[in-house]
Amino acid sequence: MTATAATLDAPRDTAALWETVREKLKALYGEAVFRSWIRPIECLGIDGGKAVLAVPTRFMREWIASHYSGDIRRLMQQERS
């Protein structure tokens, strides 16, 4: 799964961006959804202007893509601007 984001200067910037987005997703969806679906997502970095996200299973990837990817993209775009 990928989410659109700006190219960032350093891995630390990417980690800070992702942590901010995760906190906003937690506020948006609540603790239970956060623990089940958002917390397991790992931001591997930025490639070609897109955040490369990893999850433990294909099922999680598909579920997150169909239920949360729009908000992930939107929040990442907001945070980078």
C-alpha atoms as a PDB file:
ATOM      1  CA  MET A   1       0.000   0.000   0.000  1.00  0.00           C
ATOM      2  CA  THR A   2       1.286   3.466  -0.733  1.00  0.00           C
ATOM      3  CA  ALA A   3       0.077   6.870   0.312  1.00  0.00           C
ATOM      4  CA  THR A   4       0.943  10.141  -1.357  1.00  0.00           C
ATOM      5  CA  ALA A   5       3.393  12.378   0.487  1.00  0.00           C
ATOM      6  CA  ALA A   6       6.003  14.981  -0.315  1.00  0.00           C
ATOM      7  CA  THR A   7       9.622  14.066  -0.700  1.00  0.00           C
ATOM      8  CA  LEU A   8      11.255  14.672   2.657  1.00  0.00           C
ATOM      9  CA  ASP A   9      14.839  15.531   3.514  1.00  0.00           C
ATOM     10  CA  ALA A  10      15.740  12.791   5.964  1.00  0.00           C
ATOM     11  CA  PRO A  11      14.428   9.592   7.541  1.00  0.00           C
ATOM     12  CA  ARG A  12      13.833  11.547  10.750  1.00  0.00           C
ATOM     13  CA  ASP A  13      11.471  13.870   8.853  1.00  0.00           C
ATOM     14  CA  THR A  14       9.629  10.847   7.490  1.00  0.00           C
ATOM     15  CA  ALA A  15       9.324   9.324  10.966  1.00  0.00           C
ATOM     16  CA  ALA A  16       8.032  12.605  12.395  1.00  0.00           C
ATOM     17  CA  LEU A  17       5.501  12.967   9.571  1.00  0.00           C
ATOM     18  CA  TRP A  18       4.240   9.422  10.048  1.00  0.00           C
ATOM     19  CA  GLU A  19       3.977   9.807  13.831  1.00  0.00           C
ATOM     20  CA  THR A  20       1.894  12.964  13.398  1.00  0.00           C
ATOM     21  CA  VAL A  21      -0.373  11.231  10.880  1.00  0.00           C
ATOM     22  CA  ARG A  22      -0.737   8.208  13.184  1.00  0.00           C
ATOM     23  CA  GLU A  23      -1.815  10.431  16.083  1.00  0.00           C
ATOM     24  CA  LYS A  24      -4.402  12.143  13.892  1.00  0.00           C
ATOM     25  CA  LEU A  25      -5.699   8.764  12.711  1.00  0.00           C
ATOM     26  CA  LYS A  26      -5.957   7.661  16.341  1.00  0.00           C
ATOM     27  CA  ALA A  27      -8.025  10.754  17.157  1.00  0.00           C
ATOM     28  CA  LEU A  28     -10.179  10.200  14.071  1.00  0.00           C
ATOM     29  CA  TYR A  29     -10.895   6.476  14.529  1.00  0.00           C
ATOM     30  CA  GLY A  30     -10.436   5.836  18.251  1.00  0.00           C
ATOM     31  CA  GLU A  31      -8.205   3.591  20.310  1.00  0.00           C
ATOM     32  CA  ALA A  32      -9.622   0.207  19.249  1.00  0.00           C
ATOM     33  CA  VAL A  33      -9.300   0.833  15.506  1.00  0.00           C
ATOM     34  CA  PHE A  34      -5.901   2.413  16.051  1.00  0.00           C
ATOM     35  CA  ARG A  35      -4.576  -0.622  17.926  1.00  0.00           C
ATOM     36  CA  SER A  36      -6.015  -3.100  15.432  1.00  0.00           C
ATOM     37  CA  TRP A  37      -5.341  -1.418  12.094  1.00  0.00           C
ATOM     38  CA  ILE A  38      -3.202   1.737  12.302  1.00  0.00           C
ATOM     39  CA  ARG A  39      -0.495   0.942  14.850  1.00  0.00           C
ATOM     40  CA  PRO A  40       0.806  -2.084  12.881  1.00  0.00           C
ATOM     41  CA  ILE A  41       1.475   0.101   9.818  1.00  0.00           C
ATOM     42  CA  GLU A  42       5.151   0.890   9.380  1.00  0.00           C
ATOM     43  CA  CYS A  43       6.348   3.757   7.198  1.00  0.00           C
ATOM     44  CA  LEU A  44       9.426   2.449   5.388  1.00  0.00           C
ATOM     45  CA  GLY A  45      10.237   5.762   3.765  1.00  0.00           C
ATOM     46  CA  ILE A  46       9.412   8.038   0.879  1.00  0.00           C
ATOM     47  CA  ASP A  47       9.943   6.850  -2.693  1.00  0.00           C
ATOM     48  CA  GLY A  48       9.084   8.986  -5.692  1.00  0.00           C
ATOM     49  CA  GLY A  49       6.956  11.334  -3.605  1.00  0.00           C
ATOM     50  CA  LYS A  50       4.950   8.501  -2.052  1.00  0.00           C
ATOM     51  CA  ALA A  51       5.109   7.065   1.425  1.00  0.00           C
ATOM     52  CA  VAL A  52       5.909   3.373   1.349  1.00  0.00           C
ATOM     53  CA  LEU A  53       3.892   1.663   4.058  1.00  0.00           C
ATOM     54  CA  ALA A  54       4.185  -1.932   5.228  1.00  0.00           C
ATOM     55  CA  VAL A  55       1.790  -4.133   7.181  1.00  0.00           C
ATOM     56  CA  PRO A  56       2.163  -7.667   8.555  1.00  0.00           C
ATOM     57  CA  THR A  57      -0.333  -9.446   6.276  1.00  0.00           C
ATOM     58  CA  ARG A  58      -1.987  -9.214   2.885  1.00  0.00           C
ATOM     59  CA  PHE A  59      -5.402  -9.164   4.569  1.00  0.00           C
ATOM     60  CA  MET A  60      -4.380  -6.090   6.609  1.00  0.00           C
ATOM     61  CA  ARG A  61      -3.046  -4.406   3.468  1.00  0.00           C
ATOM     62  CA  GLU A  62      -6.336  -4.929   1.643  1.00  0.00           C
ATOM     63  CA  TRP A  63      -8.469  -3.875   4.627  1.00  0.00           C
ATOM     64  CA  ILE A  64      -6.435  -0.729   5.252  1.00  0.00           C
ATOM     65  CA  ALA A  65      -6.425   0.116   1.545  1.00  0.00           C
ATOM     66  CA  SER A  66     -10.202  -0.175   1.325  1.00  0.00           C
ATOM     67  CA  HIS A  67     -11.079   1.481   4.653  1.00  0.00           C
ATOM     68  CA  TYR A  68      -8.326   3.918   5.675  1.00  0.00           C
ATOM     69  CA  SER A  69      -6.120   4.789   2.696  1.00  0.00           C
ATOM     70  CA  GLY A  70      -8.124   7.891   1.768  1.00  0.00           C
ATOM     71  CA  ASP A  71      -7.662   9.404   5.212  1.00  0.00           C
ATOM     72  CA  ILE A  72      -4.006   8.356   5.298  1.00  0.00           C
ATOM     73  CA  ARG A  73      -3.378  10.106   1.973  1.00  0.00           C
ATOM     74  CA  ARG A  74      -5.323  13.201   2.999  1.00  0.00           C
ATOM     75  CA  LEU A  75      -3.547  13.563   6.335  1.00  0.00           C
ATOM     76  CA  MET A  76      -0.112  13.005   4.827  1.00  0.00           C
ATOM     77  CA  GLN A  77      -0.795  15.656   2.199  1.00  0.00           C
ATOM     78  CA  GLN A  78      -1.996  18.081   4.883  1.00  0.00           C
ATOM     79  CA  GLU A  79       1.064  17.495   7.044  1.00  0.00           C
ATOM     80  CA  ARG A  80       3.556  17.974   4.247  1.00  0.00           C
ATOM     81  CA  SER A  81       2.121  21.334   3.169  1.00  0.00           C
END
